[in-house]
Amino acid sequence: MRAWLIQRLSAVYLSLFLLYVLFWWLTTDRLSYTEWRQLIGQPFMAVALGLFFSALLVHAWVGMRDVLVDYIPHIGLRFFILIGVALFLLALGIWAALILVAVVMI
């Protein structure tokens, strides 16, 4: 039940954030690179993006874990694939965090 709830809550946040960004993009004039950096550097947007990437990675983990548990019956193979998926998602999370920190700090 916990995985189902996490999957649904992350999907709701992802959907709401993407709708907000789409609305903002459609109603705002074209921005320069400097303006983009200033926008992402604002505390509200930096936190919202951090939450977006966290929700995206958690959503991906729960989905991949459920698929692998359902379709790979061999426990040893499933374990190594799950470790690979977890390391890949962790690397993506660290990469996203480093980019956000770099943008906020400059």
C-alpha atoms as a PDB file:
ATOM      1  CA  MET A   1       0.000   0.000   0.000  1.00  0.00           C
ATOM      2  CA  ARG A   2       2.889   2.367   0.792  1.00  0.00           C
ATOM      3  CA  ALA A   3       4.445   1.994  -2.682  1.00  0.00           C
ATOM      4  CA  TRP A   4       1.064   2.619  -4.307  1.00  0.00           C
ATOM      5  CA  LEU A   5       0.592   5.790  -2.252  1.00  0.00           C
ATOM      6  CA  ILE A   6       4.105   7.059  -3.028  1.00  0.00           C
ATOM      7  CA  GLN A   7       3.528   6.403  -6.732  1.00  0.00           C
ATOM      8  CA  ARG A   8       0.239   8.311  -6.718  1.00  0.00           C
ATOM      9  CA  LEU A   9       1.490  11.262  -4.663  1.00  0.00           C
ATOM     10  CA  SER A  10       4.575  11.651  -6.832  1.00  0.00           C
ATOM     11  CA  ALA A  11       2.389  11.480  -9.951  1.00  0.00           C
ATOM     12  CA  VAL A  12       0.155  14.237  -8.591  1.00  0.00           C
ATOM     13  CA  TYR A  13       3.136  16.503  -7.843  1.00  0.00           C
ATOM     14  CA  LEU A  14       4.725  15.801 -11.235  1.00  0.00           C
ATOM     15  CA  SER A  15       1.462  16.584 -13.008  1.00  0.00           C
ATOM     16  CA  LEU A  16       0.813  19.792 -11.092  1.00  0.00           C
ATOM     17  CA  PHE A  17       4.364  21.042 -11.561  1.00  0.00           C
ATOM     18  CA  LEU A  18       4.332  20.277 -15.287  1.00  0.00           C
ATOM     19  CA  LEU A  19       0.974  22.035 -15.694  1.00  0.00           C
ATOM     20  CA  TYR A  20       2.378  25.080 -13.860  1.00  0.00           C
ATOM     21  CA  VAL A  21       5.494  25.136 -16.051  1.00  0.00           C
ATOM     22  CA  LEU A  22       3.443  24.702 -19.225  1.00  0.00           C
ATOM     23  CA  PHE A  23       1.099  27.533 -18.229  1.00  0.00           C
ATOM     24  CA  TRP A  24       4.044  29.749 -17.305  1.00  0.00           C
ATOM     25  CA  TRP A  25       5.832  28.933 -20.578  1.00  0.00           C
ATOM     26  CA  LEU A  26       2.739  29.746 -22.671  1.00  0.00           C
ATOM     27  CA  THR A  27       2.104  33.062 -20.913  1.00  0.00           C
ATOM     28  CA  THR A  28       5.672  34.399 -20.653  1.00  0.00           C
ATOM     29  CA  ASP A  29       7.814  36.085 -23.250  1.00  0.00           C
ATOM     30  CA  ARG A  30      10.981  34.459 -24.476  1.00  0.00           C
ATOM     31  CA  LEU A  31      13.719  34.492 -21.843  1.00  0.00           C
ATOM     32  CA  SER A  32      17.454  34.872 -22.259  1.00  0.00           C
ATOM     33  CA  TYR A  33      19.912  32.475 -20.658  1.00  0.00           C
ATOM     34  CA  THR A  34      20.587  34.937 -17.839  1.00  0.00           C
ATOM     35  CA  GLU A  35      16.873  35.313 -17.125  1.00  0.00           C
ATOM     36  CA  TRP A  36      16.465  31.520 -17.030  1.00  0.00           C
ATOM     37  CA  ARG A  37      19.293  31.248 -14.501  1.00  0.00           C
ATOM     38  CA  GLN A  38      17.736  33.984 -12.375  1.00  0.00           C
ATOM     39  CA  LEU A  39      14.362  32.243 -12.490  1.00  0.00           C
ATOM     40  CA  ILE A  40      15.783  28.866 -11.484  1.00  0.00           C
ATOM     41  CA  GLY A  41      17.983  30.543  -8.874  1.00  0.00           C
ATOM     42  CA  GLN A  42      14.976  31.870  -6.974  1.00  0.00           C
ATOM     43  CA  PRO A  43      14.444  29.875  -3.759  1.00  0.00           C
ATOM     44  CA  PHE A  44      10.838  28.894  -4.571  1.00  0.00           C
ATOM     45  CA  MET A  45      11.725  27.597  -8.032  1.00  0.00           C
ATOM     46  CA  ALA A  46      14.885  25.861  -6.841  1.00  0.00           C
ATOM     47  CA  VAL A  47      12.943  24.011  -4.135  1.00  0.00           C
ATOM     48  CA  ALA A  48      10.108  23.196  -6.561  1.00  0.00           C
ATOM     49  CA  LEU A  49      12.607  21.811  -9.087  1.00  0.00           C
ATOM     50  CA  GLY A  50      14.372  19.840  -6.381  1.00  0.00           C
ATOM     51  CA  LEU A  51      11.055  18.330  -5.329  1.00  0.00           C
ATOM     52  CA  PHE A  52      10.206  17.662  -8.971  1.00  0.00           C
ATOM     53  CA  PHE A  53      13.400  15.690  -9.566  1.00  0.00           C
ATOM     54  CA  SER A  54      12.998  13.851  -6.252  1.00  0.00           C
ATOM     55  CA  ALA A  55       9.417  12.916  -7.100  1.00  0.00           C
ATOM     56  CA  LEU A  56      10.473  11.866 -10.592  1.00  0.00           C
ATOM     57  CA  LEU A  57      13.209   9.584  -9.283  1.00  0.00           C
ATOM     58  CA  VAL A  58      10.985   8.067  -6.581  1.00  0.00           C
ATOM     59  CA  HIS A  59       8.214   7.550  -9.133  1.00  0.00           C
ATOM     60  CA  ALA A  60      10.652   5.847 -11.509  1.00  0.00           C
ATOM     61  CA  TRP A  61      12.059   3.659  -8.725  1.00  0.00           C
ATOM     62  CA  VAL A  62       8.651   2.412  -7.566  1.00  0.00           C
ATOM     63  CA  GLY A  63       7.540   1.725 -11.124  1.00  0.00           C
ATOM     64  CA  MET A  64      10.722  -0.076 -12.150  1.00  0.00           C
ATOM     65  CA  ARG A  65      10.822  -2.064  -8.923  1.00  0.00           C
ATOM     66  CA  ASP A  66       7.230  -3.237  -9.387  1.00  0.00           C
ATOM     67  CA  VAL A  67       7.836  -4.239 -13.003  1.00  0.00           C
ATOM     68  CA  LEU A  68      11.045  -6.099 -12.179  1.00  0.00           C
ATOM     69  CA  VAL A  69       9.487  -7.894  -9.203  1.00  0.00           C
ATOM     70  CA  ASP A  70       6.546  -8.979 -11.363  1.00  0.00           C
ATOM     71  CA  TYR A  71       8.465 -10.093 -14.463  1.00  0.00           C
ATOM     72  CA  ILE A  72      11.862 -11.398 -13.312  1.00  0.00           C
ATOM     73  CA  PRO A  73      11.300 -14.548 -11.266  1.00  0.00           C
ATOM     74  CA  HIS A  74      14.993 -15.350 -10.615  1.00  0.00           C
ATOM     75  CA  ILE A  75      15.837 -13.623  -7.324  1.00  0.00           C
ATOM     76  CA  GLY A  76      19.558 -13.249  -7.969  1.00  0.00           C
ATOM     77  CA  LEU A  77      19.103 -11.670 -11.396  1.00  0.00           C
ATOM     78  CA  ARG A  78      16.331  -9.437 -10.063  1.00  0.00           C
ATOM     79  CA  PHE A  79      18.579  -8.286  -7.210  1.00  0.00           C
ATOM     80  CA  PHE A  80      21.416  -7.248  -9.533  1.00  0.00           C
ATOM     81  CA  ILE A  81      19.080  -5.463 -11.932  1.00  0.00           C
ATOM     82  CA  LEU A  82      17.441  -3.624  -9.012  1.00  0.00           C
ATOM     83  CA  ILE A  83      20.876  -2.588  -7.738  1.00  0.00           C
ATOM     84  CA  GLY A  84      21.746  -1.321 -11.237  1.00  0.00           C
ATOM     85  CA  VAL A  85      18.503   0.654 -11.501  1.00  0.00           C
ATOM     86  CA  ALA A  86      19.002   2.094  -8.006  1.00  0.00           C
ATOM     87  CA  LEU A  87      22.578   3.177  -8.791  1.00  0.00           C
ATOM     88  CA  PHE A  88      21.492   4.709 -12.085  1.00  0.00           C
ATOM     89  CA  LEU A  89      18.668   6.673 -10.446  1.00  0.00           C
ATOM     90  CA  LEU A  90      20.986   7.735  -7.629  1.00  0.00           C
ATOM     91  CA  ALA A  91      23.507   9.018 -10.174  1.00  0.00           C
ATOM     92  CA  LEU A  92      20.757  10.963 -11.942  1.00  0.00           C
ATOM     93  CA  GLY A  93      19.639  12.441  -8.624  1.00  0.00           C
ATOM     94  CA  ILE A  94      23.159  13.528  -7.729  1.00  0.00           C
ATOM     95  CA  TRP A  95      23.599  15.045 -11.193  1.00  0.00           C
ATOM     96  CA  ALA A  96      20.333  17.006 -10.890  1.00  0.00           C
ATOM     97  CA  ALA A  97      21.286  18.193  -7.394  1.00  0.00           C
ATOM     98  CA  LEU A  98      24.703  19.355  -8.584  1.00  0.00           C
ATOM     99  CA  ILE A  99      23.123  21.317 -11.425  1.00  0.00           C
ATOM    100  CA  LEU A 100      20.592  22.962  -9.096  1.00  0.00           C
ATOM    101  CA  VAL A 101      23.285  23.841  -6.559  1.00  0.00           C
ATOM    102  CA  ALA A 102      25.504  25.261  -9.286  1.00  0.00           C
ATOM    103  CA  VAL A 103      22.681  27.444 -10.622  1.00  0.00           C
ATOM    104  CA  VAL A 104      21.585  28.641  -7.177  1.00  0.00           C
ATOM    105  CA  MET A 105      25.123  29.439  -6.010  1.00  0.00           C
ATOM    106  CA  ILE A 106      26.045  31.585  -9.013  1.00  0.00           C
END
